[in-house]
C-alpha atoms as a PDB file:
ATOM      1  CA  MET A   1      -8.152  35.431 -52.040  1.00  0.00           C
ATOM      2  CA  ASN A   2      -7.183  38.746 -50.502  1.00  0.00           C
ATOM      3  CA  ASP A   3      -4.657  39.189 -47.712  1.00  0.00           C
ATOM      4  CA  ASP A   4      -7.246  39.401 -44.912  1.00  0.00           C
ATOM      5  CA  VAL A   5      -8.912  36.121 -45.873  1.00  0.00           C
ATOM      6  CA  ARG A   6      -5.536  34.436 -46.287  1.00  0.00           C
ATOM      7  CA  ASN A   7      -4.445  35.601 -42.842  1.00  0.00           C
ATOM      8  CA  ILE A   8      -7.656  34.321 -41.288  1.00  0.00           C
ATOM      9  CA  VAL A   9      -7.242  30.920 -42.951  1.00  0.00           C
ATOM     10  CA  LEU A  10      -3.606  30.699 -41.885  1.00  0.00           C
ATOM     11  CA  GLY A  11      -4.579  31.647 -38.327  1.00  0.00           C
ATOM     12  CA  VAL A  12      -7.244  28.938 -38.199  1.00  0.00           C
ATOM     13  CA  VAL A  13      -4.827  26.361 -39.602  1.00  0.00           C
ATOM     14  CA  ALA A  14      -2.118  27.375 -37.112  1.00  0.00           C
ATOM     15  CA  ALA A  15      -4.591  27.209 -34.232  1.00  0.00           C
ATOM     16  CA  GLY A  16      -5.707  23.747 -35.364  1.00  0.00           C
ATOM     17  CA  ILE A  17      -2.130  22.512 -35.605  1.00  0.00           C
ATOM     18  CA  SER A  18      -1.295  23.937 -32.165  1.00  0.00           C
ATOM     19  CA  ALA A  19      -4.376  22.320 -30.652  1.00  0.00           C
ATOM     20  CA  ALA A  20      -3.501  18.967 -32.238  1.00  0.00           C
ATOM     21  CA  ILE A  21       0.095  19.145 -30.998  1.00  0.00           C
ATOM     22  CA  GLY A  22      -1.108  20.089 -27.524  1.00  0.00           C
ATOM     23  CA  TRP A  23      -3.583  17.205 -27.467  1.00  0.00           C
ATOM     24  CA  LEU A  24      -0.915  14.746 -28.623  1.00  0.00           C
ATOM     25  CA  ALA A  25       1.530  16.028 -26.009  1.00  0.00           C
ATOM     26  CA  ARG A  26      -1.033  15.746 -23.214  1.00  0.00           C
ATOM     27  CA  THR A  27      -2.021  12.264 -24.377  1.00  0.00           C
ATOM     28  CA  TYR A  28       1.625  11.176 -24.472  1.00  0.00           C
ATOM     29  CA  LEU A  29       2.312  12.536 -20.980  1.00  0.00           C
ATOM     30  CA  TRP A  30      -0.869  10.938 -19.606  1.00  0.00           C
ATOM     31  CA  LYS A  31       0.019   7.561 -21.105  1.00  0.00           C
ATOM     32  CA  ARG A  32       3.588   7.761 -19.813  1.00  0.00           C
ATOM     33  CA  LYS A  33       2.308   8.614 -16.331  1.00  0.00           C
ATOM     34  CA  LEU A  34      -0.172   5.727 -16.520  1.00  0.00           C
ATOM     35  CA  ARG A  35       2.545   3.278 -17.634  1.00  0.00           C
ATOM     36  CA  ARG A  36       4.755   4.296 -14.724  1.00  0.00           C
ATOM     37  CA  LYS A  37       1.860   3.796 -12.337  1.00  0.00           C
ATOM     38  CA  GLN A  38       1.061   0.400 -13.847  1.00  0.00           C
ATOM     39  CA  VAL A  39       4.697  -0.695 -13.542  1.00  0.00           C
ATOM     40  CA  PHE A  40       4.959   0.411  -9.925  1.00  0.00           C
ATOM     41  CA  PHE A  41       1.794  -1.426  -8.921  1.00  0.00           C
ATOM     42  CA  GLY A  42       2.404  -4.384 -11.233  1.00  0.00           C
ATOM     43  CA  LEU A  43      -0.969  -3.786 -12.890  1.00  0.00           C
ATOM     44  CA  PRO A  44      -0.854  -3.745 -16.697  1.00  0.00           C
ATOM     45  CA  ASP A  45      -4.088  -3.319 -18.660  1.00  0.00           C
ATOM     46  CA  ASN A  46      -6.738  -5.949 -17.872  1.00  0.00           C
ATOM     47  CA  SER A  47      -4.539  -7.713 -15.329  1.00  0.00           C
ATOM     48  CA  GLU A  48      -5.908  -9.381 -12.218  1.00  0.00           C
ATOM     49  CA  SER A  49      -5.048  -8.509  -8.621  1.00  0.00           C
ATOM     50  CA  LEU A  50      -5.977  -9.741  -5.156  1.00  0.00           C
ATOM     51  CA  LEU A  51      -7.448  -7.743  -2.297  1.00  0.00           C
ATOM     52  CA  VAL A  52      -6.865  -9.909   0.778  1.00  0.00           C
ATOM     53  CA  VAL A  53      -9.199  -8.835   3.572  1.00  0.00           C
ATOM     54  CA  ASN A  54      -8.891  -9.552   7.261  1.00  0.00           C
ATOM     55  CA  ARG A  55     -11.584  -9.996   9.871  1.00  0.00           C
ATOM     56  CA  GLU A  56     -12.500  -8.052  12.950  1.00  0.00           C
ATOM     57  CA  ALA A  57     -10.369  -9.409  15.769  1.00  0.00           C
ATOM     58  CA  GLY A  58     -12.501 -11.694  17.886  1.00  0.00           C
ATOM     59  CA  GLY A  59     -15.396 -11.536  15.425  1.00  0.00           C
ATOM     60  CA  PRO A  60     -16.749 -13.780  12.696  1.00  0.00           C
ATOM     61  CA  GLU A  61     -14.392 -14.712   9.900  1.00  0.00           C
ATOM     62  CA  LEU A  62     -15.936 -12.384   7.316  1.00  0.00           C
ATOM     63  CA  THR A  63     -16.692  -9.403   9.544  1.00  0.00           C
ATOM     64  CA  VAL A  64     -14.539  -6.554   8.217  1.00  0.00           C
ATOM     65  CA  MET A  65     -13.957  -3.377  10.196  1.00  0.00           C
ATOM     66  CA  ARG A  66     -15.419  -0.163   8.754  1.00  0.00           C
ATOM     67  CA  HIS A  67     -12.029   1.501   8.235  1.00  0.00           C
ATOM     68  CA  ASP A  68     -10.711  -1.634   6.523  1.00  0.00           C
ATOM     69  CA  VAL A  69     -13.621  -1.372   4.095  1.00  0.00           C
ATOM     70  CA  PHE A  70     -12.564   2.216   3.410  1.00  0.00           C
ATOM     71  CA  ALA A  71      -9.010   0.960   2.820  1.00  0.00           C
ATOM     72  CA  LEU A  72     -10.296  -1.530   0.252  1.00  0.00           C
ATOM     73  CA  LEU A  73     -12.185   1.274  -1.502  1.00  0.00           C
ATOM     74  CA  GLU A  74      -8.977   3.342  -1.703  1.00  0.00           C
ATOM     75  CA  LEU A  75      -7.161   0.394  -3.253  1.00  0.00           C
ATOM     76  CA  SER A  76     -10.001  -0.395  -5.638  1.00  0.00           C
ATOM     77  CA  ALA A  77      -9.762   3.134  -7.042  1.00  0.00           C
ATOM     78  CA  LEU A  78      -6.025   2.696  -7.648  1.00  0.00           C
ATOM     79  CA  ILE A  79      -6.584  -0.629  -9.383  1.00  0.00           C
ATOM     80  CA  LYS A  80      -9.340   0.805 -11.575  1.00  0.00           C
ATOM     81  CA  ASP A  81      -7.124   3.757 -12.565  1.00  0.00           C
ATOM     82  CA  CYS A  82      -4.545   1.258 -13.842  1.00  0.00           C
ATOM     83  CA  GLY A  83      -7.156  -0.483 -16.009  1.00  0.00           C
ATOM     84  CA  ALA A  84      -6.881  -3.671 -13.951  1.00  0.00           C
ATOM     85  CA  HIS A  85      -9.349  -5.849 -12.053  1.00  0.00           C
ATOM     86  CA  ALA A  86      -9.560  -6.862  -8.394  1.00  0.00           C
ATOM     87  CA  GLN A  87     -10.706 -10.051  -6.717  1.00  0.00           C
ATOM     88  CA  VAL A  88     -11.586  -9.825  -3.025  1.00  0.00           C
ATOM     89  CA  VAL A  89     -10.384 -12.850  -1.069  1.00  0.00           C
ATOM     90  CA  ALA A  90     -10.739 -13.679   2.617  1.00  0.00           C
ATOM     91  CA  HIS A  91      -7.428 -13.908   4.459  1.00  0.00           C
ATOM     92  CA  ASP A  92      -7.768 -17.643   5.115  1.00  0.00           C
ATOM     93  CA  ALA A  93      -8.809 -18.456   1.536  1.00  0.00           C
ATOM     94  CA  ALA A  94      -5.836 -16.879  -0.272  1.00  0.00           C
ATOM     95  CA  GLN A  95      -3.884 -20.097  -0.571  1.00  0.00           C
ATOM     96  CA  GLN A  96      -1.378 -19.298  -3.288  1.00  0.00           C
ATOM     97  CA  GLY A  97       2.143 -18.042  -3.694  1.00  0.00           C
ATOM     98  CA  PHE A  98       3.117 -14.561  -4.779  1.00  0.00           C
ATOM     99  CA  GLY A  99       4.539 -13.062  -7.926  1.00  0.00           C
ATOM    100  CA  GLU A 100       1.819 -14.092 -10.366  1.00  0.00           C
ATOM    101  CA  ARG A 101      -0.717 -11.420  -9.408  1.00  0.00           C
ATOM    102  CA  THR A 102      -0.338  -8.172  -7.538  1.00  0.00           C
ATOM    103  CA  GLU A 103      -1.611  -8.588  -3.991  1.00  0.00           C
ATOM    104  CA  PHE A 104      -2.844  -5.976  -1.551  1.00  0.00           C
ATOM    105  CA  CYS A 105      -2.979  -7.455   1.951  1.00  0.00           C
ATOM    106  CA  VAL A 106      -4.783  -5.456   4.644  1.00  0.00           C
ATOM    107  CA  GLY A 107      -4.745  -5.969   8.416  1.00  0.00           C
ATOM    108  CA  GLY A 108      -2.482  -7.034  11.243  1.00  0.00           C
ATOM    109  CA  PRO A 109      -1.367 -10.612  11.916  1.00  0.00           C
ATOM    110  CA  ALA A 110      -3.911 -11.078  14.705  1.00  0.00           C
ATOM    111  CA  SER A 111      -6.786 -10.758  12.243  1.00  0.00           C
ATOM    112  CA  ASN A 112      -5.138 -11.741   8.954  1.00  0.00           C
ATOM    113  CA  ARG A 113      -3.421 -15.112   8.609  1.00  0.00           C
ATOM    114  CA  ARG A 114      -2.075 -14.144   5.213  1.00  0.00           C
ATOM    115  CA  MET A 115      -0.373 -11.100   6.742  1.00  0.00           C
ATOM    116  CA  ALA A 116       1.124 -13.270   9.482  1.00  0.00           C
ATOM    117  CA  ALA A 117       2.540 -15.593   6.809  1.00  0.00           C
ATOM    118  CA  HIS A 118       4.043 -12.688   4.854  1.00  0.00           C
ATOM    119  CA  LEU A 119       5.679 -11.263   7.969  1.00  0.00           C
ATOM    120  CA  ASN A 120       7.142 -14.623   8.917  1.00  0.00           C
ATOM    121  CA  SER A 121       8.445 -15.353   5.428  1.00  0.00           C
ATOM    122  CA  LEU A 122       9.452 -11.956   4.098  1.00  0.00           C
ATOM    123  CA  LEU A 123       9.972  -9.575   7.037  1.00  0.00           C
ATOM    124  CA  PRO A 124      11.498 -11.524   9.943  1.00  0.00           C
ATOM    125  CA  GLY A 125      12.860  -8.354  11.528  1.00  0.00           C
ATOM    126  CA  ILE A 126       9.376  -7.071  12.402  1.00  0.00           C
ATOM    127  CA  ARG A 127       7.783  -8.397  15.564  1.00  0.00           C
ATOM    128  CA  ILE A 128       4.231  -7.529  16.587  1.00  0.00           C
ATOM    129  CA  ASN A 129       2.633  -8.174  19.947  1.00  0.00           C
ATOM    130  CA  THR A 130      -0.652  -9.987  19.332  1.00  0.00           C
ATOM    131  CA  ASP A 131      -1.797 -10.357  22.926  1.00  0.00           C
ATOM    132  CA  ALA A 132      -5.579 -10.475  23.162  1.00  0.00           C
ATOM    133  CA  GLU A 133      -5.513  -9.140  26.721  1.00  0.00           C
ATOM    134  CA  PRO A 134      -5.413  -5.338  27.210  1.00  0.00           C
ATOM    135  CA  GLY A 135      -2.071  -3.955  28.288  1.00  0.00           C
ATOM    136  CA  PRO A 136       0.586  -1.383  27.379  1.00  0.00           C
ATOM    137  CA  GLU A 137       2.378  -3.830  25.072  1.00  0.00           C
ATOM    138  CA  ARG A 138      -0.691  -4.875  23.118  1.00  0.00           C
ATOM    139  CA  GLY A 139      -0.177  -4.196  19.398  1.00  0.00           C
ATOM    140  CA  ALA A 140       3.379  -2.920  19.912  1.00  0.00           C
ATOM    141  CA  PHE A 141       5.838  -3.060  17.001  1.00  0.00           C
ATOM    142  CA  ALA A 142       9.466  -4.067  17.534  1.00  0.00           C
ATOM    143  CA  ILE A 143      11.753  -3.216  14.596  1.00  0.00           C
ATOM    144  CA  GLY A 144      15.535  -3.041  14.621  1.00  0.00           C
ATOM    145  CA  GLY A 145      15.792  -2.710  18.375  1.00  0.00           C
ATOM    146  CA  GLU A 146      13.158   0.045  18.536  1.00  0.00           C
ATOM    147  CA  ARG A 147       9.711  -0.362  20.060  1.00  0.00           C
ATOM    148  CA  TYR A 148       6.592   1.486  18.917  1.00  0.00           C
ATOM    149  CA  LEU A 149       3.708   1.361  21.377  1.00  0.00           C
ATOM    150  CA  LEU A 150       0.085   1.914  20.485  1.00  0.00           C
ATOM    151  CA  GLN A 151      -1.365   5.117  21.935  1.00  0.00           C
ATOM    152  CA  SER A 152      -4.956   4.727  20.808  1.00  0.00           C
ATOM    153  CA  GLY A 153      -6.325   7.828  19.135  1.00  0.00           C
ATOM    154  CA  ARG A 154      -3.081   9.794  19.637  1.00  0.00           C
ATOM    155  CA  ALA A 155      -0.154   8.004  18.011  1.00  0.00           C
ATOM    156  CA  GLU A 156      -0.637   4.763  16.086  1.00  0.00           C
ATOM    157  CA  TYR A 157       1.754   2.974  13.755  1.00  0.00           C
ATOM    158  CA  VAL A 158       1.390   1.095  10.500  1.00  0.00           C
ATOM    159  CA  ILE A 159       3.740  -0.733   8.152  1.00  0.00           C
ATOM    160  CA  LEU A 160       3.474   0.069   4.444  1.00  0.00           C
ATOM    161  CA  ALA A 161       5.525  -2.314   2.332  1.00  0.00           C
ATOM    162  CA  ARG A 162       6.076  -3.185  -1.311  1.00  0.00           C
ATOM    163  CA  LEU A 163       7.734  -6.593  -1.656  1.00  0.00           C
ATOM    164  CA  THR A 164       8.790  -8.706  -4.607  1.00  0.00           C
ATOM    165  CA  ALA A 165      10.489 -11.540  -2.683  1.00  0.00           C
ATOM    166  CA  ASP A 166      13.448 -11.408  -5.130  1.00  0.00           C
ATOM    167  CA  LEU A 167      11.510 -13.375  -7.733  1.00  0.00           C
ATOM    168  CA  GLY A 168      13.146 -11.543 -10.621  1.00  0.00           C
ATOM    169  CA  ARG A 169      12.008  -9.180 -13.306  1.00  0.00           C
ATOM    170  CA  GLY A 170       8.325  -9.330 -14.141  1.00  0.00           C
ATOM    171  CA  ALA A 171       7.217 -10.664 -10.756  1.00  0.00           C
ATOM    172  CA  ARG A 172       4.150  -8.893  -9.410  1.00  0.00           C
ATOM    173  CA  PRO A 173       4.560  -7.163  -6.038  1.00  0.00           C
ATOM    174  CA  VAL A 174       2.828  -7.711  -2.726  1.00  0.00           C
ATOM    175  CA  PHE A 175       1.692  -4.587  -0.869  1.00  0.00           C
ATOM    176  CA  LEU A 176       1.246  -4.863   2.889  1.00  0.00           C
ATOM    177  CA  PHE A 177      -0.830  -2.521   5.063  1.00  0.00           C
ATOM    178  CA  CYS A 178      -0.204  -3.772   8.583  1.00  0.00           C
ATOM    179  CA  GLY A 179      -1.429  -1.388  11.262  1.00  0.00           C
ATOM    180  CA  GLN A 180      -2.031  -1.353  14.985  1.00  0.00           C
ATOM    181  CA  ARG A 181      -5.682  -0.387  14.372  1.00  0.00           C
ATOM    182  CA  ALA A 182      -8.028  -0.535  11.384  1.00  0.00           C
ATOM    183  CA  ILE A 183      -7.893   3.234  10.903  1.00  0.00           C
ATOM    184  CA  THR A 184      -4.129   2.995  10.390  1.00  0.00           C
ATOM    185  CA  ASN A 185      -4.648   0.514   7.554  1.00  0.00           C
ATOM    186  CA  GLN A 186      -6.835   3.084   5.817  1.00  0.00           C
ATOM    187  CA  ALA A 187      -4.239   5.783   6.509  1.00  0.00           C
ATOM    188  CA  ALA A 188      -1.538   3.659   4.841  1.00  0.00           C
ATOM    189  CA  THR A 189      -3.615   3.031   1.717  1.00  0.00           C
ATOM    190  CA  ARG A 190      -4.371   6.747   1.482  1.00  0.00           C
ATOM    191  CA  TYR A 191      -0.671   7.557   1.928  1.00  0.00           C
ATOM    192  CA  LEU A 192       0.183   5.168  -0.908  1.00  0.00           C
ATOM    193  CA  ALA A 193      -2.464   6.714  -3.175  1.00  0.00           C
ATOM    194  CA  ARG A 194      -1.117  10.199  -2.519  1.00  0.00           C
ATOM    195  CA  HIS A 195       2.613   9.447  -2.698  1.00  0.00           C
ATOM    196  CA  HIS A 196       2.999   6.542  -5.126  1.00  0.00           C
ATOM    197  CA  GLU A 197       4.729   8.740  -7.725  1.00  0.00           C
ATOM    198  CA  ARG A 198       7.378   9.865  -5.236  1.00  0.00           C
ATOM    199  CA  LEU A 199       7.811   6.293  -3.991  1.00  0.00           C
ATOM    200  CA  ALA A 200       8.193   5.037  -7.569  1.00  0.00           C
ATOM    201  CA  ARG A 201      10.887   7.645  -8.266  1.00  0.00           C
ATOM    202  CA  LYS A 202      12.785   6.678  -5.119  1.00  0.00           C
ATOM    203  CA  TYR A 203      12.436   2.886  -5.121  1.00  0.00           C
ATOM    204  CA  GLY A 204      11.539   2.030  -8.719  1.00  0.00           C
ATOM    205  CA  THR A 205      10.229  -1.520  -8.838  1.00  0.00           C
ATOM    206  CA  GLY A 206      12.229  -2.612  -5.800  1.00  0.00           C
ATOM    207  CA  SER A 207      11.091  -3.521  -2.317  1.00  0.00           C
ATOM    208  CA  PHE A 208      10.632  -1.071   0.516  1.00  0.00           C
ATOM    209  CA  VAL A 209       9.236  -1.127   4.045  1.00  0.00           C
ATOM    210  CA  LEU A 210       8.080   2.142   5.606  1.00  0.00           C
ATOM    211  CA  LEU A 211       6.973   2.815   9.157  1.00  0.00           C
ATOM    212  CA  LEU A 212       4.234   5.455   9.291  1.00  0.00           C
ATOM    213  CA  LYS A 213       2.650   7.173  12.273  1.00  0.00           C
ATOM    214  CA  VAL A 214      -0.983   8.264  12.291  1.00  0.00           C
ATOM    215  CA  VAL A 215      -1.263  11.389  14.400  1.00  0.00           C
ATOM    216  CA  ASN A 216      -4.321  12.157  16.538  1.00  0.00           C
ATOM    217  CA  SER A 217      -6.740   9.949  14.627  1.00  0.00           C
ATOM    218  CA  GLN A 218      -9.512  10.735  17.114  1.00  0.00           C
ATOM    219  CA  ALA A 219      -9.539  14.283  15.707  1.00  0.00           C
ATOM    220  CA  TYR A 220      -8.110  13.961  12.195  1.00  0.00           C
ATOM    221  CA  GLY A 221      -9.056  10.437  11.190  1.00  0.00           C
ATOM    222  CA  PRO A 222      -6.644   8.785   8.728  1.00  0.00           C
ATOM    223  CA  ASP A 223      -5.488  12.037   7.096  1.00  0.00           C
ATOM    224  CA  VAL A 224      -2.496  13.147   9.198  1.00  0.00           C
ATOM    225  CA  VAL A 225       0.310  10.675   8.560  1.00  0.00           C
ATOM    226  CA  GLU A 226       4.028  11.060   9.233  1.00  0.00           C
ATOM    227  CA  LEU A 227       6.839   8.993   7.768  1.00  0.00           C
ATOM    228  CA  VAL A 228       8.795   7.738  10.786  1.00  0.00           C
ATOM    229  CA  ALA A 229      11.507   5.790   8.994  1.00  0.00           C
ATOM    230  CA  ASP A 230      12.478   3.579   6.099  1.00  0.00           C
ATOM    231  CA  VAL A 231      12.916   0.277   7.945  1.00  0.00           C
ATOM    232  CA  THR A 232      13.589  -1.899   4.903  1.00  0.00           C
ATOM    233  CA  ARG A 233      16.979  -3.149   6.088  1.00  0.00           C
ATOM    234  CA  ALA A 234      15.877  -3.804   9.672  1.00  0.00           C
ATOM    235  CA  ALA A 235      12.676  -5.539   8.531  1.00  0.00           C
ATOM    236  CA  HIS A 236      14.608  -7.972   6.338  1.00  0.00           C
ATOM    237  CA  ALA A 237      17.263  -8.730   8.974  1.00  0.00           C
ATOM    238  CA  PRO A 238      16.912 -11.795  11.195  1.00  0.00           C
ATOM    239  CA  ALA A 239      14.898 -11.103  14.311  1.00  0.00           C
ATOM    240  CA  PRO A 240      16.728 -10.978  17.663  1.00  0.00           C
ATOM    241  CA  GLU A 241      16.303 -13.789  20.131  1.00  0.00           C
ATOM    242  CA  GLU A 242      13.010 -13.718  22.021  1.00  0.00           C
ATOM    243  CA  SER A 243      12.819 -13.236  25.742  1.00  0.00           C
ATOM    244  CA  PRO A 244      10.045 -15.084  27.611  1.00  0.00           C
ATOM    245  CA  SER A 245       7.990 -11.876  27.772  1.00  0.00           C
ATOM    246  CA  ASP A 246       8.055 -11.680  23.969  1.00  0.00           C
ATOM    247  CA  SER A 247       6.453 -15.073  23.417  1.00  0.00           C
ATOM    248  CA  SER A 248       3.143 -13.521  22.441  1.00  0.00           C
ATOM    249  CA  ARG A 249       4.653 -11.750  19.456  1.00  0.00           C
ATOM    250  CA  VAL A 250       4.613 -12.935  15.903  1.00  0.00           C
ATOM    251  CA  SER A 251       7.103 -12.057  13.214  1.00  0.00           C
END
């Protein structure tokens, strides 16, 4: 074997080794990224999760708003990426505790009994006006002494929360998407899909409650979302005493 042939063979071998090392490195990084995602969402391979759907306010029990359907599609993609499975359950049929399966609960307390139960049990510091009659206070959030009014199509708010209810290591989380309108629920699921890595770095597997604002949804849909505040502490604090005008709110 002359020098030219030997150099060619060595070059091919070196290229093969480099390609193999690169493939192994990419595979390792992909698997590590996937494991982190699975841990954050509580979705190991082949695990089961719940998608708890609400109903259109004032409509039949199983009538789901169009934007809530889009929210469920966003969540289904996340679940599939983790190698897990989803079961869709109506809000009034999800009669179980939490911690055994990851739960994604979509919709406000006026249209989702499961959401109302979670707010009452886990987030007593959040109060939501559920008046059916039109008015400036309809759908308003009250959190930590601050009020957030619904300005339809211009400025709308939504709660995005990851909760574990202090059940200890290994408990599966509950994710809440509680918005003033259906389009805000979709905006919150999209925000979670886009920012879950940053949220995992900041909060790990702990609980958090974020208040988001959807800006000018009549022009931009669910895409322009601002983080207003981390309201975790205020949301977990006991709610202030109600005044008579607050009697229509639920916590």
